[in-house]
């Protein structure tokens, strides 16, 4: 699975931090919504197209948080 994008709400701490990830594997697209950092809880969404996955990302990023996109390193070969 390849991670394509990562967004963070800019807040630190287990109670405040939120992350959204966009990943792909083959023809499938995956969105992960995580609350609470690496040890937090996640919800996963699966899509057949990039457009549908991006629509979900936009919906998840909508709100009062100051979301910022974090860079993703290209895969090493």
C-alpha atoms as a PDB file:
ATOM      1  CA  UNK A   1       0.000   0.000   0.000  1.00  0.00           C
ATOM      2  CA  UNK A   2       1.338   3.425  -0.962  1.00  0.00           C
ATOM      3  CA  UNK A   3       0.608   6.518   1.067  1.00  0.00           C
ATOM      4  CA  UNK A   4      -0.182   9.436  -1.242  1.00  0.00           C
ATOM      5  CA  UNK A   5      -1.112  12.271   1.131  1.00  0.00           C
ATOM      6  CA  UNK A   6      -1.331  13.070   4.830  1.00  0.00           C
ATOM      7  CA  UNK A   7      -3.150  15.914   6.566  1.00  0.00           C
ATOM      8  CA  UNK A   8      -2.851  16.960  10.223  1.00  0.00           C
ATOM      9  CA  UNK A   9      -5.063  19.350  12.168  1.00  0.00           C
ATOM     10  CA  UNK A  10      -2.017  21.088  13.673  1.00  0.00           C
ATOM     11  CA  UNK A  11      -2.812  20.146  17.272  1.00  0.00           C
ATOM     12  CA  UNK A  12      -0.595  18.202  19.650  1.00  0.00           C
ATOM     13  CA  UNK A  13      -1.733  15.792  22.304  1.00  0.00           C
ATOM     14  CA  UNK A  14      -3.733  12.624  22.369  1.00  0.00           C
ATOM     15  CA  UNK A  15      -7.082  14.332  22.872  1.00  0.00           C
ATOM     16  CA  UNK A  16      -6.671  17.011  20.195  1.00  0.00           C
ATOM     17  CA  UNK A  17      -4.638  15.512  17.350  1.00  0.00           C
ATOM     18  CA  UNK A  18      -6.373  14.329  14.180  1.00  0.00           C
ATOM     19  CA  UNK A  19      -4.868  12.926  10.974  1.00  0.00           C
ATOM     20  CA  UNK A  20      -6.295  11.984   7.581  1.00  0.00           C
ATOM     21  CA  UNK A  21      -4.390   9.713   5.190  1.00  0.00           C
ATOM     22  CA  UNK A  22      -4.950   8.948   1.514  1.00  0.00           C
ATOM     23  CA  UNK A  23      -3.494   5.639   0.331  1.00  0.00           C
ATOM     24  CA  UNK A  24      -3.718   3.451  -2.730  1.00  0.00           C
ATOM     25  CA  UNK A  25      -3.111  -0.186  -3.566  1.00  0.00           C
ATOM     26  CA  UNK A  26      -3.704  -1.354  -7.111  1.00  0.00           C
ATOM     27  CA  UNK A  27      -7.060   0.051  -8.234  1.00  0.00           C
ATOM     28  CA  UNK A  28      -8.344   0.627  -4.699  1.00  0.00           C
ATOM     29  CA  UNK A  29      -8.167   3.867  -2.735  1.00  0.00           C
ATOM     30  CA  UNK A  30      -8.235   4.112   1.039  1.00  0.00           C
ATOM     31  CA  UNK A  31      -8.893   6.981   3.433  1.00  0.00           C
ATOM     32  CA  UNK A  32      -7.982   6.703   7.102  1.00  0.00           C
ATOM     33  CA  UNK A  33      -9.358   9.143   9.662  1.00  0.00           C
ATOM     34  CA  UNK A  34      -7.342   8.909  12.892  1.00  0.00           C
ATOM     35  CA  UNK A  35      -7.959  10.653  16.210  1.00  0.00           C
ATOM     36  CA  UNK A  36      -5.428  10.651  19.037  1.00  0.00           C
ATOM     37  CA  UNK A  37      -2.115  10.181  17.242  1.00  0.00           C
ATOM     38  CA  UNK A  38      -0.387   6.872  16.610  1.00  0.00           C
ATOM     39  CA  UNK A  39      -2.096   5.165  19.545  1.00  0.00           C
ATOM     40  CA  UNK A  40      -5.497   6.633  18.742  1.00  0.00           C
ATOM     41  CA  UNK A  41      -8.511   5.158  17.018  1.00  0.00           C
ATOM     42  CA  UNK A  42      -9.047   5.010  13.261  1.00  0.00           C
ATOM     43  CA  UNK A  43     -11.923   4.756  10.829  1.00  0.00           C
ATOM     44  CA  UNK A  44     -11.199   3.353   7.372  1.00  0.00           C
ATOM     45  CA  UNK A  45     -13.002   4.007   4.088  1.00  0.00           C
ATOM     46  CA  UNK A  46     -12.420   2.122   0.816  1.00  0.00           C
ATOM     47  CA  UNK A  47     -13.158   3.442  -2.691  1.00  0.00           C
ATOM     48  CA  UNK A  48     -12.937   2.263  -6.277  1.00  0.00           C
ATOM     49  CA  UNK A  49     -11.761   5.640  -7.589  1.00  0.00           C
ATOM     50  CA  UNK A  50      -9.388   8.418  -6.586  1.00  0.00           C
ATOM     51  CA  UNK A  51     -12.135  11.013  -7.103  1.00  0.00           C
ATOM     52  CA  UNK A  52     -14.442   9.305  -4.583  1.00  0.00           C
ATOM     53  CA  UNK A  53     -11.600   9.044  -2.048  1.00  0.00           C
ATOM     54  CA  UNK A  54     -10.700  12.724  -2.505  1.00  0.00           C
ATOM     55  CA  UNK A  55     -14.358  13.670  -1.990  1.00  0.00           C
ATOM     56  CA  UNK A  56     -14.255  11.874   1.378  1.00  0.00           C
ATOM     57  CA  UNK A  57     -10.991  13.609   2.309  1.00  0.00           C
ATOM     58  CA  UNK A  58     -12.569  17.001   1.537  1.00  0.00           C
ATOM     59  CA  UNK A  59     -15.557  16.144   3.716  1.00  0.00           C
ATOM     60  CA  UNK A  60     -13.312  15.061   6.602  1.00  0.00           C
ATOM     61  CA  UNK A  61     -11.183  18.214   6.374  1.00  0.00           C
ATOM     62  CA  UNK A  62     -14.243  20.475   6.395  1.00  0.00           C
ATOM     63  CA  UNK A  63     -14.620  22.208   9.734  1.00  0.00           C
ATOM     64  CA  UNK A  64     -12.965  24.542  12.209  1.00  0.00           C
ATOM     65  CA  UNK A  65      -9.547  22.841  12.400  1.00  0.00           C
ATOM     66  CA  UNK A  66      -6.546  24.418  10.663  1.00  0.00           C
ATOM     67  CA  UNK A  67      -5.615  21.424   8.499  1.00  0.00           C
ATOM     68  CA  UNK A  68      -2.198  21.295   6.864  1.00  0.00           C
ATOM     69  CA  UNK A  69      -0.880  18.851   4.330  1.00  0.00           C
ATOM     70  CA  UNK A  70       2.297  17.094   5.391  1.00  0.00           C
ATOM     71  CA  UNK A  71       4.784  16.005   2.776  1.00  0.00           C
ATOM     72  CA  UNK A  72       5.037  12.333   1.954  1.00  0.00           C
ATOM     73  CA  UNK A  73       8.407  10.887   1.070  1.00  0.00           C
ATOM     74  CA  UNK A  74       8.543   8.971  -2.200  1.00  0.00           C
ATOM     75  CA  UNK A  75       8.969   5.226  -1.756  1.00  0.00           C
ATOM     76  CA  UNK A  76      12.570   4.004  -1.714  1.00  0.00           C
ATOM     77  CA  UNK A  77      13.542   1.435  -4.271  1.00  0.00           C
END
